[in-house]
Amino acid sequence: MYRTTTMTVRVSGALSEFVAANVGKGGAYENVSEYIRDLIRRDKERAEREAFDRLKAELNRAFAAPEQSYKPLTAAEVIARNRV
């Protein structure tokens, strides 16, 4: 089950003007909450894409390595190595 959290964010100056230009008549969003939710979704997608790209790059390096460079690892060793 999802829970709703209310947050208060303060912006001023150029940031406030930028938000105002994107909300309401002529803007892409009906209200500030809709705009912020979209920004958060996009940032979440970006973070997930970056994590996937890092994993893909590591797998590509592993598959490109010569077979004699492989060494056996336990699951705990793999988990510890990837906590970085």
N, C-alpha and C. Protein backbone atom coordinates (compact mmCIF):
# COMPACT_ATOMS: atom_id res chain seq x y z
N MET A 1 0.85 -1.17 0.00
CA MET A 1 0.00 0.00 0.00
C MET A 1 0.89 1.24 0.00
N TYR A 2 0.52 2.20 -0.82
CA TYR A 2 1.27 3.45 -0.90
C TYR A 2 0.75 4.42 0.13
N ARG A 3 1.65 5.25 0.64
CA ARG A 3 1.22 6.29 1.57
C ARG A 3 1.53 7.64 0.94
N THR A 4 0.76 8.61 1.30
CA THR A 4 0.95 9.96 0.79
C THR A 4 1.71 10.77 1.83
N THR A 5 2.71 11.49 1.37
CA THR A 5 3.49 12.35 2.23
C THR A 5 3.35 13.78 1.76
N THR A 6 3.07 14.67 2.67
CA THR A 6 3.00 16.09 2.33
C THR A 6 4.35 16.72 2.64
N MET A 7 4.88 17.45 1.67
CA MET A 7 6.18 18.11 1.83
C MET A 7 6.03 19.58 1.51
N THR A 8 6.80 20.39 2.18
CA THR A 8 6.82 21.82 1.90
C THR A 8 8.17 22.16 1.30
N VAL A 9 8.13 22.82 0.15
CA VAL A 9 9.37 23.20 -0.54
C VAL A 9 9.31 24.70 -0.77
N ARG A 10 10.40 25.38 -0.47
CA ARG A 10 10.46 26.82 -0.69
C ARG A 10 11.41 27.12 -1.84
N VAL A 11 10.92 27.88 -2.78
CA VAL A 11 11.76 28.35 -3.88
C VAL A 11 11.52 29.84 -4.04
N SER A 12 12.54 30.52 -4.49
CA SER A 12 12.38 31.97 -4.67
C SER A 12 13.13 32.40 -5.92
N GLY A 13 12.96 33.64 -6.25
CA GLY A 13 13.69 34.23 -7.36
C GLY A 13 13.45 33.52 -8.68
N ALA A 14 14.53 33.25 -9.39
CA ALA A 14 14.45 32.66 -10.73
C ALA A 14 13.79 31.29 -10.71
N LEU A 15 14.02 30.51 -9.65
CA LEU A 15 13.38 29.19 -9.58
C LEU A 15 11.88 29.31 -9.45
N SER A 16 11.44 30.24 -8.63
CA SER A 16 10.01 30.46 -8.45
C SER A 16 9.36 30.93 -9.75
N GLU A 17 10.03 31.81 -10.45
CA GLU A 17 9.52 32.30 -11.72
C GLU A 17 9.46 31.17 -12.76
N PHE A 18 10.45 30.32 -12.76
CA PHE A 18 10.49 29.19 -13.69
C PHE A 18 9.34 28.24 -13.42
N VAL A 19 9.10 27.94 -12.15
CA VAL A 19 7.97 27.06 -11.79
C VAL A 19 6.66 27.72 -12.22
N ALA A 20 6.49 28.97 -11.93
CA ALA A 20 5.26 29.68 -12.28
C ALA A 20 5.01 29.66 -13.79
N ALA A 21 6.08 29.74 -14.58
CA ALA A 21 5.94 29.73 -16.03
C ALA A 21 5.51 28.36 -16.56
N ASN A 22 5.73 27.31 -15.78
CA ASN A 22 5.39 25.95 -16.20
C ASN A 22 4.08 25.44 -15.63
N VAL A 23 3.42 26.25 -14.83
CA VAL A 23 2.19 25.84 -14.16
C VAL A 23 1.06 26.79 -14.53
N GLY A 24 -0.14 26.23 -14.68
CA GLY A 24 -1.31 27.06 -14.94
C GLY A 24 -1.49 27.34 -16.42
N LYS A 25 -2.19 28.42 -16.74
CA LYS A 25 -2.45 28.77 -18.14
C LYS A 25 -1.14 28.94 -18.89
N GLY A 26 -1.06 28.25 -20.01
CA GLY A 26 0.15 28.36 -20.83
C GLY A 26 1.28 27.46 -20.37
N GLY A 27 1.14 26.86 -19.20
CA GLY A 27 2.17 25.96 -18.70
C GLY A 27 1.85 24.51 -19.02
N ALA A 28 2.79 23.65 -18.83
CA ALA A 28 2.60 22.23 -19.13
C ALA A 28 1.87 21.49 -18.01
N TYR A 29 1.76 22.10 -16.84
CA TYR A 29 1.18 21.44 -15.67
C TYR A 29 0.04 22.28 -15.09
N GLU A 30 -0.96 21.59 -14.54
CA GLU A 30 -2.10 22.29 -13.95
C GLU A 30 -1.77 22.92 -12.62
N ASN A 31 -0.88 22.26 -11.85
CA ASN A 31 -0.52 22.80 -10.53
C ASN A 31 0.90 22.41 -10.17
N VAL A 32 1.43 23.01 -9.13
CA VAL A 32 2.81 22.79 -8.72
C VAL A 32 3.04 21.34 -8.30
N SER A 33 2.07 20.74 -7.61
CA SER A 33 2.23 19.35 -7.16
C SER A 33 2.42 18.42 -8.35
N GLU A 34 1.63 18.62 -9.40
CA GLU A 34 1.76 17.79 -10.60
C GLU A 34 3.16 17.95 -11.21
N TYR A 35 3.64 19.18 -11.24
CA TYR A 35 4.97 19.47 -11.79
C TYR A 35 6.06 18.78 -10.96
N ILE A 36 6.00 18.90 -9.66
CA ILE A 36 7.00 18.29 -8.78
C ILE A 36 6.97 16.77 -8.89
N ARG A 37 5.78 16.17 -8.92
CA ARG A 37 5.68 14.71 -9.08
C ARG A 37 6.33 14.26 -10.38
N ASP A 38 6.12 15.01 -11.46
CA ASP A 38 6.73 14.65 -12.74
C ASP A 38 8.25 14.76 -12.66
N LEU A 39 8.75 15.82 -12.03
CA LEU A 39 10.21 15.96 -11.88
C LEU A 39 10.80 14.81 -11.08
N ILE A 40 10.12 14.41 -10.01
CA ILE A 40 10.60 13.30 -9.18
C ILE A 40 10.59 12.00 -9.99
N ARG A 41 9.51 11.75 -10.73
CA ARG A 41 9.44 10.53 -11.57
C ARG A 41 10.58 10.49 -12.57
N ARG A 42 10.84 11.61 -13.23
CA ARG A 42 11.92 11.67 -14.21
C ARG A 42 13.28 11.43 -13.56
N ASP A 43 13.49 11.99 -12.39
CA ASP A 43 14.76 11.80 -11.69
C ASP A 43 14.91 10.34 -11.26
N LYS A 44 13.83 9.73 -10.81
CA LYS A 44 13.86 8.31 -10.43
C LYS A 44 14.20 7.46 -11.65
N GLU A 45 13.57 7.74 -12.78
CA GLU A 45 13.87 6.99 -14.01
C GLU A 45 15.33 7.17 -14.42
N ARG A 46 15.85 8.39 -14.29
CA ARG A 46 17.26 8.66 -14.61
C ARG A 46 18.18 7.84 -13.73
N ALA A 47 17.91 7.82 -12.43
CA ALA A 47 18.74 7.06 -11.49
C ALA A 47 18.70 5.57 -11.80
N GLU A 48 17.50 5.06 -12.12
CA GLU A 48 17.38 3.64 -12.47
C GLU A 48 18.11 3.33 -13.77
N ARG A 49 18.03 4.22 -14.75
CA ARG A 49 18.72 4.04 -16.03
C ARG A 49 20.23 4.04 -15.82
N GLU A 50 20.74 4.94 -14.97
CA GLU A 50 22.17 4.98 -14.69
C GLU A 50 22.64 3.71 -14.00
N ALA A 51 21.85 3.21 -13.06
CA ALA A 51 22.20 1.96 -12.37
C ALA A 51 22.23 0.80 -13.36
N PHE A 52 21.26 0.75 -14.25
CA PHE A 52 21.21 -0.31 -15.27
C PHE A 52 22.41 -0.20 -16.21
N ASP A 53 22.76 1.02 -16.61
CA ASP A 53 23.90 1.22 -17.50
C ASP A 53 25.21 0.79 -16.83
N ARG A 54 25.35 1.06 -15.53
CA ARG A 54 26.55 0.60 -14.80
C ARG A 54 26.62 -0.92 -14.79
N LEU A 55 25.48 -1.57 -14.53
CA LEU A 55 25.44 -3.02 -14.52
C LEU A 55 25.77 -3.58 -15.89
N LYS A 56 25.18 -2.99 -16.92
CA LYS A 56 25.43 -3.45 -18.29
C LYS A 56 26.91 -3.31 -18.65
N ALA A 57 27.53 -2.19 -18.28
CA ALA A 57 28.95 -1.98 -18.56
C ALA A 57 29.81 -3.01 -17.84
N GLU A 58 29.47 -3.32 -16.60
CA GLU A 58 30.23 -4.32 -15.85
C GLU A 58 30.08 -5.70 -16.49
N LEU A 59 28.88 -6.04 -16.92
CA LEU A 59 28.67 -7.32 -17.58
C LEU A 59 29.43 -7.39 -18.91
N ASN A 60 29.43 -6.29 -19.66
CA ASN A 60 30.18 -6.27 -20.92
C ASN A 60 31.67 -6.47 -20.68
N ARG A 61 32.22 -5.83 -19.64
CA ARG A 61 33.64 -6.03 -19.30
C ARG A 61 33.89 -7.48 -18.91
N ALA A 62 32.98 -8.05 -18.13
CA ALA A 62 33.16 -9.44 -17.69
C ALA A 62 33.14 -10.40 -18.86
N PHE A 63 32.21 -10.22 -19.79
CA PHE A 63 32.12 -11.13 -20.93
C PHE A 63 33.28 -10.94 -21.90
N ALA A 64 33.89 -9.75 -21.91
CA ALA A 64 35.01 -9.49 -22.82
C ALA A 64 36.34 -9.97 -22.24
N ALA A 65 36.38 -10.26 -20.95
CA ALA A 65 37.63 -10.68 -20.30
C ALA A 65 37.98 -12.10 -20.73
N PRO A 66 39.29 -12.37 -20.84
CA PRO A 66 39.70 -13.74 -21.17
C PRO A 66 39.29 -14.72 -20.07
N GLU A 67 38.96 -15.92 -20.46
CA GLU A 67 38.43 -16.91 -19.52
C GLU A 67 39.39 -17.17 -18.36
N GLN A 68 40.70 -17.15 -18.61
CA GLN A 68 41.66 -17.44 -17.54
C GLN A 68 41.70 -16.35 -16.46
N SER A 69 41.09 -15.20 -16.74
CA SER A 69 41.06 -14.13 -15.73
C SER A 69 39.92 -14.31 -14.73
N TYR A 70 39.03 -15.23 -14.99
CA TYR A 70 37.92 -15.48 -14.08
C TYR A 70 38.41 -16.18 -12.82
N LYS A 71 37.81 -15.83 -11.68
CA LYS A 71 38.11 -16.54 -10.44
C LYS A 71 36.80 -16.78 -9.71
N PRO A 72 36.70 -17.89 -9.01
CA PRO A 72 35.45 -18.17 -8.30
C PRO A 72 35.23 -17.18 -7.14
N LEU A 73 34.00 -16.76 -6.98
CA LEU A 73 33.62 -15.86 -5.88
C LEU A 73 32.38 -16.41 -5.21
N THR A 74 32.28 -16.17 -3.92
CA THR A 74 31.05 -16.52 -3.22
C THR A 74 30.04 -15.39 -3.43
N ALA A 75 28.79 -15.68 -3.16
CA ALA A 75 27.75 -14.65 -3.28
C ALA A 75 28.06 -13.48 -2.36
N ALA A 76 28.55 -13.74 -1.17
CA ALA A 76 28.88 -12.67 -0.21
C ALA A 76 29.98 -11.78 -0.76
N GLU A 77 30.97 -12.36 -1.45
CA GLU A 77 32.05 -11.56 -2.04
C GLU A 77 31.53 -10.66 -3.16
N VAL A 78 30.63 -11.18 -3.96
CA VAL A 78 30.05 -10.38 -5.05
C VAL A 78 29.23 -9.23 -4.47
N ILE A 79 28.44 -9.51 -3.47
CA ILE A 79 27.61 -8.47 -2.84
C ILE A 79 28.49 -7.39 -2.22
N ALA A 80 29.52 -7.81 -1.50
CA ALA A 80 30.43 -6.84 -0.85
C ALA A 80 31.13 -5.99 -1.88
N ARG A 81 31.57 -6.58 -2.99
CA ARG A 81 32.29 -5.85 -4.03
C ARG A 81 31.39 -4.81 -4.69
N ASN A 82 30.10 -5.09 -4.79
CA ASN A 82 29.20 -4.21 -5.50
C ASN A 82 28.47 -3.21 -4.61
N ARG A 83 28.84 -3.10 -3.38
CA ARG A 83 28.23 -2.11 -2.47
C ARG A 83 28.79 -0.73 -2.66
N VAL A 84 29.68 -0.55 -3.58
CA VAL A 84 30.35 0.73 -3.81
C VAL A 84 29.43 1.72 -4.47
